[in-house]
Amino acid sequence: MSHEINDDNSAKDFTKNWVNSSRFLFYLQLFCVLAFLLGGCYRLYHQRYTGKPEVEVQKSSQYKPEYK
């Protein structure tokens, strides 16, 4: 008499169990989108516009122009 033990590892396999793999891929995708969004917001916050640049405007193109 020979006793064979059949280990069915297909239930534990990532590619065979679509419920667990789809749940894992959903959470992985959600984490990646949130990380990308928060990283972009963090970078925009630290490289934000700090002030008005001093721009030289010709006197003839001002609201009340001054001509020579």
Protein backbone atom coordinates (compact mmCIF):
# COMPACT_ATOMS: atom_id res chain seq x y z
CA MET A 1 0.00 0.00 0.00
CA SER A 2 1.32 3.28 -0.98
CA HIS A 3 0.02 6.44 0.59
CA GLU A 4 0.21 9.46 -1.59
CA ILE A 5 -0.19 12.91 -0.19
CA ASN A 6 -1.52 15.37 -2.68
CA ASP A 7 -0.56 18.87 -1.70
CA ASP A 8 -2.83 21.14 -3.62
CA ASN A 9 -0.89 24.41 -3.66
CA SER A 10 -2.97 25.85 -6.45
CA ALA A 11 -5.37 27.37 -3.88
CA LYS A 12 -2.47 29.30 -2.38
CA ASP A 13 -1.06 30.37 -5.73
CA PHE A 14 -1.41 34.06 -6.59
CA THR A 15 -2.27 33.40 -10.23
CA LYS A 16 -4.94 30.79 -9.44
CA ASN A 17 -6.90 32.57 -6.71
CA TRP A 18 -8.50 35.49 -8.58
CA VAL A 19 -10.43 36.84 -5.60
CA ASN A 20 -7.37 37.39 -3.44
CA SER A 21 -5.21 38.55 -6.33
CA SER A 22 -7.79 41.08 -7.57
CA ARG A 23 -8.21 42.43 -4.04
CA PHE A 24 -4.43 42.70 -3.66
CA LEU A 25 -4.05 44.44 -7.02
CA PHE A 26 -6.87 46.86 -6.18
CA TYR A 27 -5.24 47.87 -2.90
CA LEU A 28 -1.84 48.09 -4.57
CA GLN A 29 -3.26 50.36 -7.27
CA LEU A 30 -5.04 52.49 -4.66
CA PHE A 31 -1.84 52.83 -2.64
CA CYS A 32 0.17 53.84 -5.73
CA VAL A 33 -2.38 56.49 -6.77
CA LEU A 34 -2.51 57.93 -3.24
CA ALA A 35 1.29 57.96 -2.96
CA PHE A 36 1.59 59.71 -6.33
CA LEU A 37 -1.09 62.25 -5.39
CA LEU A 38 0.38 63.03 -1.98
CA GLY A 39 3.89 63.23 -3.42
CA GLY A 40 2.74 65.68 -6.08
CA CYS A 41 0.91 67.82 -3.52
CA TYR A 42 3.97 67.81 -1.25
CA ARG A 43 6.24 68.92 -4.10
CA LEU A 44 3.84 71.64 -5.21
CA TYR A 45 3.60 72.89 -1.62
CA HIS A 46 7.37 73.18 -1.21
CA GLN A 47 7.97 74.73 -4.64
CA ARG A 48 5.08 77.14 -4.50
CA TYR A 49 5.05 80.65 -5.86
CA THR A 50 6.70 82.77 -3.18
CA GLY A 51 6.13 86.34 -4.30
CA LYS A 52 5.68 88.88 -7.02
CA PRO A 53 8.66 89.43 -9.27
CA GLU A 54 9.66 93.04 -9.79
CA VAL A 55 8.88 93.75 -13.45
CA GLU A 56 9.97 96.95 -15.11
CA VAL A 57 7.11 98.46 -17.13
CA GLN A 58 7.64 101.10 -19.78
CA LYS A 59 6.24 104.47 -18.77
CA SER A 60 4.30 104.76 -22.04
CA SER A 61 2.34 101.54 -21.35
CA GLN A 62 1.23 102.34 -17.79
CA TYR A 63 -2.36 103.14 -16.77
CA LYS A 64 -1.51 106.85 -16.80
CA PRO A 65 1.21 107.01 -19.43
CA GLU A 66 4.00 109.56 -19.19
CA TYR A 67 5.41 110.74 -22.48
CA LYS A 68 8.59 112.66 -23.06
